[in-house]
Amino acid sequence: MFRRGASFVILFWAFGFVWFAVAMPRPLPASEHTDAIIVLTGSQGRIEHAFAMLEAGAAPRMLVSGVDREVRAKEFAAQFKVSDRLMHCCVTLGYAAYDTRSNAIEAAQWVTKHHARSVRLVTADWHMRRSALELERELPANVKLKKDGVRSHPSLGVLFLEYHKLLARVAGNLLRR
């Protein structure tokens, strides 16, 4: 009996990992319009992709969640080659978040303040599932979340770690119910 149970758990874990690693969320086209863009700082390409979507008109405003407290708006704009006009009208730098969970809290507060009904979440493809899970948990029920995964080439170690973080978060959510 124990062997069957253990075998089932191992197979479930293995198939889950293969699914996690192979079927990562993909980028959304710019034609997918939302009320706001939430981009989580971290791996390369996230912020650049979010600005491309903002400039393409995919949303009228954007929150960059998880910006280091020492980074100033002018420095940020210079690094990402963003005009003062775009920074002033459409971009909020969020300094409160320090991990994925606090990204979700910061983003949900910002979404509520701006009365957004739909949000494009931009993060790395390997990070999307857990980020979306955290954000969906914090967002008001009437807000639609669209997942815009930035393509990356994560190492096996990154995938392994993120898969286990996702499993732990899902298990934590199930235990809270």
Protein backbone atom coordinates (compact mmCIF):
# COMPACT_ATOMS: atom_id res chain seq x y z
CA MET A 1 0.00 0.00 0.00
CA PHE A 2 2.79 2.43 0.95
CA ARG A 3 4.69 1.68 -2.28
CA ARG A 4 1.65 2.43 -4.41
CA GLY A 5 1.00 5.67 -2.60
CA ALA A 6 4.63 6.72 -2.83
CA SER A 7 4.75 5.75 -6.52
CA PHE A 8 1.63 7.81 -7.19
CA VAL A 9 3.10 10.85 -5.44
CA ILE A 10 6.39 10.54 -7.32
CA LEU A 11 4.63 10.17 -10.68
CA PHE A 12 2.32 13.09 -9.91
CA TRP A 13 5.34 15.22 -8.97
CA ALA A 14 7.32 14.17 -12.08
CA PHE A 15 4.48 14.77 -14.54
CA GLY A 16 3.75 18.08 -12.83
CA PHE A 17 7.36 19.16 -13.19
CA VAL A 18 7.44 18.22 -16.88
CA TRP A 19 4.22 20.20 -17.46
CA PHE A 20 5.65 23.14 -15.49
CA ALA A 21 8.88 23.17 -17.50
CA VAL A 22 7.44 22.55 -20.96
CA ALA A 23 4.16 24.49 -21.00
CA MET A 24 5.29 27.86 -19.68
CA PRO A 25 2.97 30.85 -20.19
CA ARG A 26 3.57 32.77 -23.39
CA PRO A 27 3.56 36.49 -24.23
CA LEU A 28 0.25 38.15 -25.01
CA PRO A 29 -0.10 40.21 -28.17
CA ALA A 30 -0.29 43.98 -27.80
CA SER A 31 -3.86 43.79 -29.14
CA GLU A 32 -4.93 42.28 -25.77
CA HIS A 33 -6.04 45.49 -24.06
CA THR A 34 -6.30 45.92 -20.29
CA ASP A 35 -6.86 48.81 -17.90
CA ALA A 36 -3.37 48.44 -16.43
CA ILE A 37 -0.05 46.66 -16.66
CA ILE A 38 1.67 45.22 -13.59
CA VAL A 39 5.30 44.30 -14.14
CA LEU A 40 7.36 42.54 -11.49
CA THR A 41 11.04 43.44 -11.28
CA GLY A 42 13.52 40.63 -11.58
CA SER A 43 14.97 38.87 -14.57
CA GLN A 44 15.97 40.69 -17.72
CA GLY A 45 13.35 41.55 -20.31
CA ARG A 46 10.34 42.03 -18.03
CA ILE A 47 10.43 45.81 -17.77
CA GLU A 48 11.41 46.27 -21.42
CA HIS A 49 8.46 44.10 -22.51
CA ALA A 50 6.06 45.96 -20.23
CA PHE A 51 7.16 49.32 -21.66
CA ALA A 52 6.74 47.97 -25.19
CA MET A 53 3.16 47.00 -24.31
CA LEU A 54 2.49 50.40 -22.69
CA GLU A 55 3.86 52.24 -25.72
CA ALA A 56 1.82 50.00 -28.05
CA GLY A 57 -1.37 51.05 -26.25
CA ALA A 58 -2.10 47.71 -24.58
CA ALA A 59 -2.95 49.65 -21.40
CA PRO A 60 -2.99 53.32 -20.33
CA ARG A 61 -0.94 52.93 -17.12
CA MET A 62 1.61 50.69 -15.48
CA LEU A 63 2.94 49.74 -12.06
CA VAL A 64 6.51 48.52 -11.74
CA SER A 65 6.39 46.50 -8.53
CA GLY A 66 9.47 45.75 -6.48
CA VAL A 67 11.70 48.69 -7.41
CA ASP A 68 14.71 49.09 -5.13
CA ARG A 69 14.17 51.96 -2.67
CA GLU A 70 17.39 53.64 -3.78
CA VAL A 71 16.30 53.91 -7.44
CA ARG A 72 14.85 57.31 -8.36
CA ALA A 73 12.37 57.90 -11.17
CA LYS A 74 14.89 59.84 -13.30
CA GLU A 75 17.46 57.04 -12.97
CA PHE A 76 14.83 54.45 -13.83
CA ALA A 77 13.68 56.44 -16.87
CA ALA A 78 17.25 56.87 -18.08
CA GLN A 79 18.05 53.18 -17.68
CA PHE A 80 15.02 52.10 -19.69
CA LYS A 81 15.02 55.09 -22.09
CA VAL A 82 11.55 56.28 -21.08
CA SER A 83 10.41 59.82 -21.81
CA ASP A 84 9.56 62.18 -18.95
CA ARG A 85 6.05 62.48 -20.41
CA LEU A 86 5.44 58.73 -20.30
CA MET A 87 6.92 58.42 -16.80
CA HIS A 88 4.81 61.28 -15.51
CA CYS A 89 1.49 60.27 -17.05
CA CYS A 90 1.53 56.54 -17.00
CA VAL A 91 4.15 54.87 -14.79
CA THR A 92 4.13 54.25 -11.05
CA LEU A 93 7.22 52.89 -9.38
CA GLY A 94 6.32 50.61 -6.49
CA TYR A 95 8.87 50.47 -3.70
CA ALA A 96 6.98 48.38 -1.11
CA ALA A 97 7.51 44.87 -2.50
CA TYR A 98 10.50 42.67 -1.74
CA ASP A 99 9.20 39.24 -2.87
CA THR A 100 6.42 37.71 -4.97
CA ARG A 101 3.89 37.76 -2.13
CA SER A 102 4.49 41.45 -1.38
CA ASN A 103 4.40 42.18 -5.15
CA ALA A 104 0.84 40.85 -5.12
CA ILE A 105 -0.17 42.97 -2.14
CA GLU A 106 1.39 46.13 -3.59
CA ALA A 107 -0.16 45.49 -7.00
CA ALA A 108 -3.64 44.77 -5.63
CA GLN A 109 -3.61 48.00 -3.64
CA TRP A 110 -2.54 49.94 -6.72
CA VAL A 111 -5.19 48.24 -8.91
CA THR A 112 -7.89 49.09 -6.36
CA LYS A 113 -6.71 52.72 -6.12
CA HIS A 114 -6.84 53.07 -9.92
CA HIS A 115 -10.17 51.22 -10.29
CA ALA A 116 -8.75 48.84 -12.90
CA ARG A 117 -11.06 46.05 -14.02
CA SER A 118 -8.46 44.19 -16.07
CA VAL A 119 -4.73 43.75 -15.55
CA ARG A 120 -1.89 42.47 -17.72
CA LEU A 121 0.64 40.75 -15.46
CA VAL A 122 4.14 40.83 -16.94
CA THR A 123 6.81 38.58 -15.47
CA ALA A 124 9.16 35.83 -16.63
CA ASP A 125 7.45 32.75 -18.08
CA TRP A 126 8.85 30.50 -15.33
CA HIS A 127 7.63 32.92 -12.63
CA MET A 128 4.14 33.52 -14.03
CA ARG A 129 2.14 30.71 -12.42
CA ARG A 130 3.12 31.53 -8.84
CA SER A 131 2.93 35.29 -9.45
CA ALA A 132 -0.55 34.97 -10.92
CA LEU A 133 -1.64 32.72 -8.06
CA GLU A 134 -0.47 35.30 -5.52
CA LEU A 135 -2.01 38.22 -7.40
CA GLU A 136 -5.36 36.51 -8.00
CA ARG A 137 -5.54 35.85 -4.27
CA GLU A 138 -5.15 39.58 -3.51
CA LEU A 139 -7.11 41.20 -6.34
CA PRO A 140 -10.77 42.12 -5.98
CA ALA A 141 -13.01 39.39 -7.44
CA ASN A 142 -14.19 41.61 -10.31
CA VAL A 143 -10.69 42.18 -11.75
CA LYS A 144 -9.68 40.05 -14.73
CA LEU A 145 -6.04 38.98 -14.87
CA LYS A 146 -4.28 38.37 -18.18
CA LYS A 147 -0.93 36.59 -18.07
CA ASP A 148 1.85 37.97 -20.25
CA GLY A 149 4.84 35.67 -19.81
CA VAL A 150 8.18 37.04 -20.96
CA ARG A 151 10.15 34.30 -22.70
CA SER A 152 13.33 33.28 -20.95
CA HIS A 153 15.77 30.43 -20.81
CA PRO A 154 15.77 29.36 -17.16
CA SER A 155 18.20 26.80 -15.87
CA LEU A 156 17.00 23.46 -14.59
CA GLY A 157 17.81 24.69 -11.09
CA VAL A 158 15.59 27.77 -11.47
CA LEU A 159 12.73 25.63 -12.79
CA PHE A 160 13.17 23.09 -10.00
CA LEU A 161 13.15 25.78 -7.29
CA GLU A 162 10.19 27.68 -8.76
CA TYR A 163 8.16 24.48 -9.21
CA HIS A 164 8.60 23.67 -5.53
CA LYS A 165 7.72 27.22 -4.50
CA LEU A 166 4.53 26.88 -6.53
CA LEU A 167 3.70 23.51 -4.95
CA ALA A 168 4.29 24.95 -1.48
CA ARG A 169 2.03 27.93 -2.23
CA VAL A 170 -0.75 25.73 -3.61
CA ALA A 171 -0.50 23.43 -0.57
CA GLY A 172 -0.58 26.45 1.73
CA ASN A 173 -3.71 27.75 0.02
CA LEU A 174 -5.41 24.35 0.31
CA LEU A 175 -4.60 24.12 4.02
CA ARG A 176 -6.09 27.58 4.67
CA ARG A 177 -9.48 26.52 3.32
